Amino acid sequence: MRKLAAVLFAGLSLIVIGLTGSPADAKEYGKCGFDSDCNPGVKCRSGKCADSAGSSCGFDSDCGGAKCRSGKCASAPDGSCAFDSDCGRGGKCSSQKCKW
């Protein structure tokens, strides 16, 4: 009985890992080789998605609907906003940060 329980548990574990992916397979958002690696409409600039922390933008069109403010997408974690419209995609500007 213990052997059967162990086999069932191992099988279930493999199914769960297969469905969710393992931590080693997880890709950190922000690194990119192509625009398609980034959020919709966001450009890949120098190997980083323009709306990721530590990245930069040159134009609003780099930011996937958000504004490019002082070289940073307003929607980036280290970006800033002044108005809701700076955030794009239905975001709200609160304490100079975009929130969804």
PDB file of N, CA and C in Angstrom:
ATOM      1  N   MET A   1       0.815  -1.192   0.000  1.00  0.00           N
ATOM      2  CA  MET A   1       0.000   0.000   0.000  1.00  0.00           C
ATOM      3  C   MET A   1       0.865   1.265   0.000  1.00  0.00           C
ATOM      4  N   ARG A   2       1.943   1.254   0.785  1.00  0.00           N
ATOM      5  CA  ARG A   2       2.837   2.412   0.819  1.00  0.00           C
ATOM      6  C   ARG A   2       3.478   2.643  -0.541  1.00  0.00           C
ATOM      7  N   LYS A   3       3.830   1.540  -1.197  1.00  0.00           N
ATOM      8  CA  LYS A   3       4.466   1.650  -2.511  1.00  0.00           C
ATOM      9  C   LYS A   3       3.504   2.289  -3.516  1.00  0.00           C
ATOM     10  N   LEU A   4       2.255   1.873  -3.483  1.00  0.00           N
ATOM     11  CA  LEU A   4       1.245   2.432  -4.381  1.00  0.00           C
ATOM     12  C   LEU A   4       1.041   3.916  -4.104  1.00  0.00           C
ATOM     13  N   ALA A   5       0.994   4.305  -2.833  1.00  0.00           N
ATOM     14  CA  ALA A   5       0.827   5.711  -2.465  1.00  0.00           C
ATOM     15  C   ALA A   5       2.022   6.528  -2.944  1.00  0.00           C
ATOM     16  N   ALA A   6       3.226   5.985  -2.798  1.00  0.00           N
ATOM     17  CA  ALA A   6       4.432   6.690  -3.234  1.00  0.00           C
ATOM     18  C   ALA A   6       4.434   6.873  -4.749  1.00  0.00           C
ATOM     19  N   VAL A   7       4.042   5.839  -5.472  1.00  0.00           N
ATOM     20  CA  VAL A   7       3.992   5.921  -6.935  1.00  0.00           C
ATOM     21  C   VAL A   7       2.946   6.943  -7.376  1.00  0.00           C
ATOM     22  N   LEU A   8       1.787   6.921  -6.762  1.00  0.00           N
ATOM     23  CA  LEU A   8       0.735   7.891  -7.099  1.00  0.00           C
ATOM     24  C   LEU A   8       1.177   9.314  -6.795  1.00  0.00           C
ATOM     25  N   PHE A   9       1.823   9.514  -5.642  1.00  0.00           N
ATOM     26  CA  PHE A   9       2.309  10.846  -5.280  1.00  0.00           C
ATOM     27  C   PHE A   9       3.354  11.327  -6.282  1.00  0.00           C
ATOM     28  N   ALA A  10       4.288  10.458  -6.641  1.00  0.00           N
ATOM     29  CA  ALA A  10       5.329  10.829  -7.611  1.00  0.00           C
ATOM     30  C   ALA A  10       4.714  11.176  -8.955  1.00  0.00           C
ATOM     31  N   GLY A  11       3.742  10.393  -9.391  1.00  0.00           N
ATOM     32  CA  GLY A  11       3.076  10.662 -10.663  1.00  0.00           C
ATOM     33  C   GLY A  11       2.330  11.978 -10.644  1.00  0.00           C
ATOM     34  N   LEU A  12       1.627  12.229  -9.567  1.00  0.00           N
ATOM     35  CA  LEU A  12       0.895  13.494  -9.424  1.00  0.00           C
ATOM     36  C   LEU A  12       1.856  14.677  -9.401  1.00  0.00           C
ATOM     37  N   SER A  13       2.986  14.523  -8.713  1.00  0.00           N
ATOM     38  CA  SER A  13       3.989  15.594  -8.667  1.00  0.00           C
ATOM     39  C   SER A  13       4.517  15.917 -10.055  1.00  0.00           C
ATOM     40  N   LEU A  14       4.785  14.895 -10.849  1.00  0.00           N
ATOM     41  CA  LEU A  14       5.274  15.122 -12.214  1.00  0.00           C
ATOM     42  C   LEU A  14       4.239  15.831 -13.070  1.00  0.00           C
ATOM     43  N   ILE A  15       2.977  15.480 -12.885  1.00  0.00           N
ATOM     44  CA  ILE A  15       1.913  16.140 -13.647  1.00  0.00           C
ATOM     45  C   ILE A  15       1.834  17.612 -13.261  1.00  0.00           C
ATOM     46  N   VAL A  16       1.882  17.911 -11.961  1.00  0.00           N
ATOM     47  CA  VAL A  16       1.803  19.298 -11.497  1.00  0.00           C
ATOM     48  C   VAL A  16       2.989  20.093 -12.019  1.00  0.00           C
ATOM     49  N   ILE A  17       4.189  19.546 -11.941  1.00  0.00           N
ATOM     50  CA  ILE A  17       5.376  20.242 -12.455  1.00  0.00           C
ATOM     51  C   ILE A  17       5.249  20.455 -13.957  1.00  0.00           C
ATOM     52  N   GLY A  18       4.748  19.480 -14.671  1.00  0.00           N
ATOM     53  CA  GLY A  18       4.573  19.610 -16.118  1.00  0.00           C
ATOM     54  C   GLY A  18       3.580  20.697 -16.484  1.00  0.00           C
ATOM     55  N   LEU A  19       2.540  20.854 -15.689  1.00  0.00           N
ATOM     56  CA  LEU A  19       1.523  21.864 -15.985  1.00  0.00           C
ATOM     57  C   LEU A  19       1.964  23.266 -15.602  1.00  0.00           C
ATOM     58  N   THR A  20       2.716  23.384 -14.517  1.00  0.00           N
ATOM     59  CA  THR A  20       3.079  24.706 -14.031  1.00  0.00           C
ATOM     60  C   THR A  20       4.486  25.123 -14.424  1.00  0.00           C
ATOM     61  N   GLY A  21       5.317  24.180 -14.810  1.00  0.00           N
ATOM     62  CA  GLY A  21       6.708  24.486 -15.131  1.00  0.00           C
ATOM     63  C   GLY A  21       7.535  24.532 -13.862  1.00  0.00           C
ATOM     64  N   SER A  22       8.782  24.246 -13.992  1.00  0.00           N
ATOM     65  CA  SER A  22       9.652  24.265 -12.818  1.00  0.00           C
ATOM     66  C   SER A  22      10.296  25.632 -12.694  1.00  0.00           C
ATOM     67  N   PRO A  23      10.759  26.001 -11.504  1.00  0.00           N
ATOM     68  CA  PRO A  23      11.398  27.303 -11.323  1.00  0.00           C
ATOM     69  C   PRO A  23      12.591  27.505 -12.258  1.00  0.00           C
ATOM     70  N   ALA A  24      13.281  26.431 -12.609  1.00  0.00           N
ATOM     71  CA  ALA A  24      14.436  26.564 -13.493  1.00  0.00           C
ATOM     72  C   ALA A  24      14.002  26.997 -14.901  1.00  0.00           C
ATOM     73  N   ASP A  25      12.747  26.678 -15.263  1.00  0.00           N
ATOM     74  CA  ASP A  25      12.255  27.029 -16.593  1.00  0.00           C
ATOM     75  C   ASP A  25      11.700  28.445 -16.641  1.00  0.00           C
ATOM     76  N   ALA A  26      11.439  29.040 -15.495  1.00  0.00           N
ATOM     77  CA  ALA A  26      10.806  30.362 -15.457  1.00  0.00           C
ATOM     78  C   ALA A  26      11.756  31.408 -16.047  1.00  0.00           C
ATOM     79  N   LYS A  27      11.206  32.262 -16.898  1.00  0.00           N
ATOM     80  CA  LYS A  27      11.996  33.330 -17.520  1.00  0.00           C
ATOM     81  C   LYS A  27      11.661  34.642 -16.828  1.00  0.00           C
ATOM     82  N   GLU A  28      12.662  35.310 -16.381  1.00  0.00           N
ATOM     83  CA  GLU A  28      12.460  36.597 -15.725  1.00  0.00           C
ATOM     84  C   GLU A  28      12.033  37.611 -16.778  1.00  0.00           C
ATOM     85  N   TYR A  29      10.909  38.304 -16.545  1.00  0.00           N
ATOM     86  CA  TYR A  29      10.462  39.303 -17.505  1.00  0.00           C
ATOM     87  C   TYR A  29      11.438  40.462 -17.539  1.00  0.00           C
ATOM     88  N   GLY A  30      11.701  40.914 -18.724  1.00  0.00           N
ATOM     89  CA  GLY A  30      12.564  42.077 -18.894  1.00  0.00           C
ATOM     90  C   GLY A  30      13.689  41.815 -19.868  1.00  0.00           C
ATOM     91  N   LYS A  31      14.245  40.621 -19.836  1.00  0.00           N
ATOM     92  CA  LYS A  31      15.297  40.275 -20.792  1.00  0.00           C
ATOM     93  C   LYS A  31      14.638  39.912 -22.111  1.00  0.00           C
ATOM     94  N   CYS A  32      15.200  40.382 -23.202  1.00  0.00           N
ATOM     95  CA  CYS A  32      14.574  40.116 -24.498  1.00  0.00           C
ATOM     96  C   CYS A  32      15.611  40.092 -25.616  1.00  0.00           C
ATOM     97  N   GLY A  33      15.200  39.469 -26.692  1.00  0.00           N
ATOM     98  CA  GLY A  33      15.987  39.494 -27.908  1.00  0.00           C
ATOM     99  C   GLY A  33      15.185  40.121 -29.037  1.00  0.00           C
ATOM    100  N   PHE A  34      13.876  40.084 -28.872  1.00  0.00           N
ATOM    101  CA  PHE A  34      12.945  40.592 -29.879  1.00  0.00           C
ATOM    102  C   PHE A  34      11.791  41.303 -29.178  1.00  0.00           C
ATOM    103  N   ASP A  35      11.113  42.188 -29.881  1.00  0.00           N
ATOM    104  CA  ASP A  35       9.941  42.876 -29.325  1.00  0.00           C
ATOM    105  C   ASP A  35       8.899  41.865 -28.845  1.00  0.00           C
ATOM    106  N   SER A  36       8.781  40.736 -29.524  1.00  0.00           N
ATOM    107  CA  SER A  36       7.782  39.725 -29.173  1.00  0.00           C
ATOM    108  C   SER A  36       8.048  39.078 -27.811  1.00  0.00           C
ATOM    109  N   ASP A  37       9.250  39.249 -27.253  1.00  0.00           N
ATOM    110  CA  ASP A  37       9.561  38.728 -25.925  1.00  0.00           C
ATOM    111  C   ASP A  37       8.981  39.612 -24.822  1.00  0.00           C
ATOM    112  N   CYS A  38       8.516  40.798 -25.183  1.00  0.00           N
ATOM    113  CA  CYS A  38       8.028  41.786 -24.217  1.00  0.00           C
ATOM    114  C   CYS A  38       6.503  41.816 -24.192  1.00  0.00           C
ATOM    115  N   ASN A  39       5.953  42.617 -23.289  1.00  0.00           N
ATOM    116  CA  ASN A  39       4.506  42.814 -23.237  1.00  0.00           C
ATOM    117  C   ASN A  39       4.024  43.374 -24.571  1.00  0.00           C
ATOM    118  N   PRO A  40       2.735  43.199 -24.889  1.00  0.00           N
ATOM    119  CA  PRO A  40       2.211  43.687 -26.172  1.00  0.00           C
ATOM    120  C   PRO A  40       2.513  45.169 -26.419  1.00  0.00           C
ATOM    121  N   GLY A  41       3.093  45.456 -27.570  1.00  0.00           N
ATOM    122  CA  GLY A  41       3.379  46.826 -27.980  1.00  0.00           C
ATOM    123  C   GLY A  41       4.657  47.406 -27.392  1.00  0.00           C
ATOM    124  N   VAL A  42       5.323  46.682 -26.506  1.00  0.00           N
ATOM    125  CA  VAL A  42       6.547  47.176 -25.854  1.00  0.00           C
ATOM    126  C   VAL A  42       7.748  46.769 -26.693  1.00  0.00           C
ATOM    127  N   LYS A  43       8.703  47.678 -26.828  1.00  0.00           N
ATOM    128  CA  LYS A  43       9.904  47.431 -27.626  1.00  0.00           C
ATOM    129  C   LYS A  43      11.013  46.821 -26.778  1.00  0.00           C
ATOM    130  N   CYS A  44      11.812  45.998 -27.446  1.00  0.00           N
ATOM    131  CA  CYS A  44      13.018  45.448 -26.840  1.00  0.00           C
ATOM    132  C   CYS A  44      14.151  46.415 -27.172  1.00  0.00           C
ATOM    133  N   ARG A  45      14.764  46.987 -26.145  1.00  0.00           N
ATOM    134  CA  ARG A  45      15.840  47.965 -26.342  1.00  0.00           C
ATOM    135  C   ARG A  45      17.090  47.496 -25.596  1.00  0.00           C
ATOM    136  N   SER A  46      18.143  47.262 -26.355  1.00  0.00           N
ATOM    137  CA  SER A  46      19.430  46.834 -25.776  1.00  0.00           C
ATOM    138  C   SER A  46      19.274  45.622 -24.854  1.00  0.00           C
ATOM    139  N   GLY A  47      18.463  44.661 -25.276  1.00  0.00           N
ATOM    140  CA  GLY A  47      18.307  43.421 -24.520  1.00  0.00           C
ATOM    141  C   GLY A  47      17.353  43.480 -23.348  1.00  0.00           C
ATOM    142  N   LYS A  48      16.649  44.604 -23.185  1.00  0.00           N
ATOM    143  CA  LYS A  48      15.673  44.734 -22.099  1.00  0.00           C
ATOM    144  C   LYS A  48      14.365  45.280 -22.641  1.00  0.00           C
ATOM    145  N   CYS A  49      13.254  44.761 -22.111  1.00  0.00           N
ATOM    146  CA  CYS A  49      11.947  45.304 -22.473  1.00  0.00           C
ATOM    147  C   CYS A  49      11.853  46.718 -21.905  1.00  0.00           C
ATOM    148  N   ALA A  50      11.369  47.648 -22.719  1.00  0.00           N
ATOM    149  CA  ALA A  50      11.348  49.065 -22.328  1.00  0.00           C
ATOM    150  C   ALA A  50      10.539  49.326 -21.066  1.00  0.00           C
ATOM    151  N   ASP A  51       9.579  48.454 -20.739  1.00  0.00           N
ATOM    152  CA  ASP A  51       8.756  48.673 -19.541  1.00  0.00           C
ATOM    153  C   ASP A  51       9.242  47.882 -18.330  1.00  0.00           C
ATOM    154  N   SER A  52      10.462  47.372 -18.392  1.00  0.00           N
ATOM    155  CA  SER A  52      11.011  46.640 -17.249  1.00  0.00           C
ATOM    156  C   SER A  52      11.965  47.532 -16.451  1.00  0.00           C
ATOM    157  N   ALA A  53      12.234  47.137 -15.216  1.00  0.00           N
ATOM    158  CA  ALA A  53      13.135  47.902 -14.353  1.00  0.00           C
ATOM    159  C   ALA A  53      14.530  47.962 -14.964  1.00  0.00           C
ATOM    160  N   GLY A  54      15.143  49.106 -14.911  1.00  0.00           N
ATOM    161  CA  GLY A  54      16.501  49.276 -15.408  1.00  0.00           C
ATOM    162  C   GLY A  54      16.611  49.477 -16.896  1.00  0.00           C
ATOM    163  N   SER A  55      15.492  49.595 -17.572  1.00  0.00           N
ATOM    164  CA  SER A  55      15.493  49.786 -19.023  1.00  0.00           C
ATOM    165  C   SER A  55      15.284  51.253 -19.365  1.00  0.00           C
ATOM    166  N   SER A  56      15.197  51.528 -20.662  1.00  0.00           N
ATOM    167  CA  SER A  56      14.979  52.910 -21.090  1.00  0.00           C
ATOM    168  C   SER A  56      14.057  52.947 -22.296  1.00  0.00           C
ATOM    169  N   CYS A  57      13.569  54.134 -22.592  1.00  0.00           N
ATOM    170  CA  CYS A  57      12.743  54.349 -23.782  1.00  0.00           C
ATOM    171  C   CYS A  57      13.186  55.643 -24.443  1.00  0.00           C
ATOM    172  N   GLY A  58      12.847  55.762 -25.712  1.00  0.00           N
ATOM    173  CA  GLY A  58      13.153  56.983 -26.441  1.00  0.00           C
ATOM    174  C   GLY A  58      11.892  57.685 -26.906  1.00  0.00           C
ATOM    175  N   PHE A  59      10.823  56.903 -27.059  1.00  0.00           N
ATOM    176  CA  PHE A  59       9.554  57.416 -27.586  1.00  0.00           C
ATOM    177  C   PHE A  59       8.400  56.734 -26.869  1.00  0.00           C
ATOM    178  N   ASP A  60       7.242  57.378 -26.859  1.00  0.00           N
ATOM    179  CA  ASP A  60       6.046  56.758 -26.281  1.00  0.00           C
ATOM    180  C   ASP A  60       5.766  55.407 -26.919  1.00  0.00           C
ATOM    181  N   SER A  61       6.044  55.266 -28.203  1.00  0.00           N
ATOM    182  CA  SER A  61       5.765  54.015 -28.915  1.00  0.00           C
ATOM    183  C   SER A  61       6.601  52.843 -28.398  1.00  0.00           C
ATOM    184  N   ASP A  62       7.650  53.105 -27.632  1.00  0.00           N
ATOM    185  CA  ASP A  62       8.456  52.032 -27.034  1.00  0.00           C
ATOM    186  C   ASP A  62       7.737  51.363 -25.866  1.00  0.00           C
ATOM    187  N   CYS A  63       6.764  52.052 -25.289  1.00  0.00           N
ATOM    188  CA  CYS A  63       6.199  51.680 -23.990  1.00  0.00           C
ATOM    189  C   CYS A  63       4.866  50.941 -24.034  1.00  0.00           C
ATOM    190  N   GLY A  64       4.386  50.560 -25.181  1.00  0.00           N
ATOM    191  CA  GLY A  64       3.164  49.760 -25.254  1.00  0.00           C
ATOM    192  C   GLY A  64       1.918  50.453 -24.741  1.00  0.00           C
ATOM    193  N   GLY A  65       1.788  51.733 -24.975  1.00  0.00           N
ATOM    194  CA  GLY A  65       0.598  52.485 -24.560  1.00  0.00           C
ATOM    195  C   GLY A  65       0.869  53.450 -23.423  1.00  0.00           C
ATOM    196  N   ALA A  66       1.921  53.218 -22.668  1.00  0.00           N
ATOM    197  CA  ALA A  66       2.305  54.154 -21.606  1.00  0.00           C
ATOM    198  C   ALA A  66       3.158  55.267 -22.210  1.00  0.00           C
ATOM    199  N   LYS A  67       3.397  56.295 -21.446  1.00  0.00           N
ATOM    200  CA  LYS A  67       4.235  57.409 -21.907  1.00  0.00           C
ATOM    201  C   LYS A  67       5.691  57.151 -21.558  1.00  0.00           C
ATOM    202  N   CYS A  68       6.571  57.661 -22.424  1.00  0.00           N
ATOM    203  CA  CYS A  68       8.000  57.664 -22.148  1.00  0.00           C
ATOM    204  C   CYS A  68       8.299  59.000 -21.479  1.00  0.00           C
ATOM    205  N   ARG A  69       8.662  58.962 -20.198  1.00  0.00           N
ATOM    206  CA  ARG A  69       8.908  60.180 -19.415  1.00  0.00           C
ATOM    207  C   ARG A  69      10.357  60.188 -18.941  1.00  0.00           C
ATOM    208  N   SER A  70      11.108  61.156 -19.401  1.00  0.00           N
ATOM    209  CA  SER A  70      12.516  61.298 -19.000  1.00  0.00           C
ATOM    210  C   SER A  70      13.316  60.015 -19.231  1.00  0.00           C
ATOM    211  N   GLY A  71      13.053  59.365 -20.363  1.00  0.00           N
ATOM    212  CA  GLY A  71      13.813  58.179 -20.732  1.00  0.00           C
ATOM    213  C   GLY A  71      13.370  56.888 -20.075  1.00  0.00           C
ATOM    214  N   LYS A  72      12.246  56.896 -19.335  1.00  0.00           N
ATOM    215  CA  LYS A  72      11.704  55.701 -18.685  1.00  0.00           C
ATOM    216  C   LYS A  72      10.234  55.579 -19.029  1.00  0.00           C
ATOM    217  N   CYS A  73       9.778  54.354 -19.283  1.00  0.00           N
ATOM    218  CA  CYS A  73       8.342  54.145 -19.452  1.00  0.00           C
ATOM    219  C   CYS A  73       7.672  54.402 -18.107  1.00  0.00           C
ATOM    220  N   ALA A  74       6.598  55.171 -18.134  1.00  0.00           N
ATOM    221  CA  ALA A  74       5.870  55.467 -16.893  1.00  0.00           C
ATOM    222  C   ALA A  74       5.411  54.186 -16.215  1.00  0.00           C
ATOM    223  N   SER A  75       5.130  53.142 -16.991  1.00  0.00           N
ATOM    224  CA  SER A  75       4.624  51.879 -16.450  1.00  0.00           C
ATOM    225  C   SER A  75       5.721  50.965 -15.910  1.00  0.00           C
ATOM    226  N   ALA A  76       6.978  51.305 -16.116  1.00  0.00           N
ATOM    227  CA  ALA A  76       8.080  50.492 -15.591  1.00  0.00           C
ATOM    228  C   ALA A  76       8.124  50.605 -14.070  1.00  0.00           C
ATOM    229  N   PRO A  77       8.594  49.550 -13.393  1.00  0.00           N
ATOM    230  CA  PRO A  77       8.663  49.611 -11.920  1.00  0.00           C
ATOM    231  C   PRO A  77       9.448  50.813 -11.398  1.00  0.00           C
ATOM    232  N   ASP A  78      10.448  51.252 -12.139  1.00  0.00           N
ATOM    233  CA  ASP A  78      11.232  52.415 -11.710  1.00  0.00           C
ATOM    234  C   ASP A  78      10.882  53.673 -12.500  1.00  0.00           C
ATOM    235  N   GLY A  79       9.750  53.640 -13.204  1.00  0.00           N
ATOM    236  CA  GLY A  79       9.251  54.811 -13.921  1.00  0.00           C
ATOM    237  C   GLY A  79       8.357  55.647 -13.023  1.00  0.00           C
ATOM    238  N   SER A  80       7.886  56.776 -13.544  1.00  0.00           N
ATOM    239  CA  SER A  80       6.990  57.624 -12.761  1.00  0.00           C
ATOM    240  C   SER A  80       5.912  58.214 -13.663  1.00  0.00           C
ATOM    241  N   CYS A  81       4.830  58.618 -13.058  1.00  0.00           N
ATOM    242  CA  CYS A  81       3.709  59.188 -13.798  1.00  0.00           C
ATOM    243  C   CYS A  81       3.228  60.451 -13.100  1.00  0.00           C
ATOM    244  N   ALA A  82       2.512  61.256 -13.857  1.00  0.00           N
ATOM    245  CA  ALA A  82       1.873  62.445 -13.304  1.00  0.00           C
ATOM    246  C   ALA A  82       0.354  62.371 -13.482  1.00  0.00           C
ATOM    247  N   PHE A  83      -0.084  61.652 -14.504  1.00  0.00           N
ATOM    248  CA  PHE A  83      -1.508  61.538 -14.832  1.00  0.00           C
ATOM    249  C   PHE A  83      -1.832  60.086 -15.156  1.00  0.00           C
ATOM    250  N   ASP A  84      -3.100  59.707 -15.008  1.00  0.00           N
ATOM    251  CA  ASP A  84      -3.536  58.356 -15.365  1.00  0.00           C
ATOM    252  C   ASP A  84      -3.175  58.028 -16.808  1.00  0.00           C
ATOM    253  N   SER A  85      -3.273  59.007 -17.686  1.00  0.00           N
ATOM    254  CA  SER A  85      -2.995  58.773 -19.105  1.00  0.00           C
ATOM    255  C   SER A  85      -1.532  58.398 -19.359  1.00  0.00           C
ATOM    256  N   ASP A  86      -0.644  58.709 -18.422  1.00  0.00           N
ATOM    257  CA  ASP A  86       0.760  58.331 -18.572  1.00  0.00           C
ATOM    258  C   ASP A  86       0.941  56.815 -18.488  1.00  0.00           C
ATOM    259  N   CYS A  87       0.033  56.145 -17.782  1.00  0.00           N
ATOM    260  CA  CYS A  87       0.190  54.720 -17.497  1.00  0.00           C
ATOM    261  C   CYS A  87      -0.249  53.807 -18.629  1.00  0.00           C
ATOM    262  N   GLY A  88      -1.227  54.234 -19.424  1.00  0.00           N
ATOM    263  CA  GLY A  88      -1.739  53.388 -20.495  1.00  0.00           C
ATOM    264  C   GLY A  88      -2.460  52.162 -19.953  1.00  0.00           C
ATOM    265  N   ARG A  89      -3.035  51.366 -20.830  1.00  0.00           N
ATOM    266  CA  ARG A  89      -3.705  50.094 -20.526  1.00  0.00           C
ATOM    267  C   ARG A  89      -4.597  50.137 -19.291  1.00  0.00           C
ATOM    268  N   GLY A  90      -5.283  51.238 -19.056  1.00  0.00           N
ATOM    269  CA  GLY A  90      -6.218  51.337 -17.940  1.00  0.00           C
ATOM    270  C   GLY A  90      -5.569  51.530 -16.583  1.00  0.00           C
ATOM    271  N   GLY A  91      -4.294  51.868 -16.560  1.00  0.00           N
ATOM    272  CA  GLY A  91      -3.594  52.088 -15.298  1.00  0.00           C
ATOM    273  C   GLY A  91      -3.989  53.404 -14.656  1.00  0.00           C
ATOM    274  N   LYS A  92      -3.786  53.497 -13.374  1.00  0.00           N
ATOM    275  CA  LYS A  92      -4.045  54.719 -12.607  1.00  0.00           C
ATOM    276  C   LYS A  92      -2.734  55.198 -12.013  1.00  0.00           C
ATOM    277  N   CYS A  93      -2.539  56.506 -12.024  1.00  0.00           N
ATOM    278  CA  CYS A  93      -1.345  57.095 -11.437  1.00  0.00           C
ATOM    279  C   CYS A  93      -1.648  57.443  -9.985  1.00  0.00           C
ATOM    280  N   SER A  94      -0.915  56.825  -9.065  1.00  0.00           N
ATOM    281  CA  SER A  94      -1.109  57.056  -7.642  1.00  0.00           C
ATOM    282  C   SER A  94       0.266  57.218  -6.992  1.00  0.00           C
ATOM    283  N   SER A  95       0.492  58.337  -6.349  1.00  0.00           N
ATOM    284  CA  SER A  95       1.787  58.640  -5.721  1.00  0.00           C
ATOM    285  C   SER A  95       2.930  58.495  -6.724  1.00  0.00           C
ATOM    286  N   GLN A  96       2.700  58.988  -7.935  1.00  0.00           N
ATOM    287  CA  GLN A  96       3.660  59.004  -9.029  1.00  0.00           C
ATOM    288  C   GLN A  96       4.070  57.618  -9.526  1.00  0.00           C
ATOM    289  N   LYS A  97       3.254  56.575  -9.230  1.00  0.00           N
ATOM    290  CA  LYS A  97       3.494  55.221  -9.714  1.00  0.00           C
ATOM    291  C   LYS A  97       2.236  54.712 -10.395  1.00  0.00           C
ATOM    292  N   CYS A  98       2.413  53.978 -11.492  1.00  0.00           N
ATOM    293  CA  CYS A  98       1.279  53.380 -12.190  1.00  0.00           C
ATOM    294  C   CYS A  98       0.801  52.148 -11.441  1.00  0.00           C
ATOM    295  N   LYS A  99      -0.491  52.047 -11.242  1.00  0.00           N
ATOM    296  CA  LYS A  99      -1.126  50.910 -10.553  1.00  0.00           C
ATOM    297  C   LYS A  99      -2.220  50.354 -11.450  1.00  0.00           C
ATOM    298  N   TRP A 100      -2.425  49.045 -11.367  1.00  0.00           N
ATOM    299  CA  TRP A 100      -3.496  48.403 -12.133  1.00  0.00           C
ATOM    300  C   TRP A 100      -4.397  47.635 -11.241  1.00  0.00           C
TER     301      TRP A 100
END
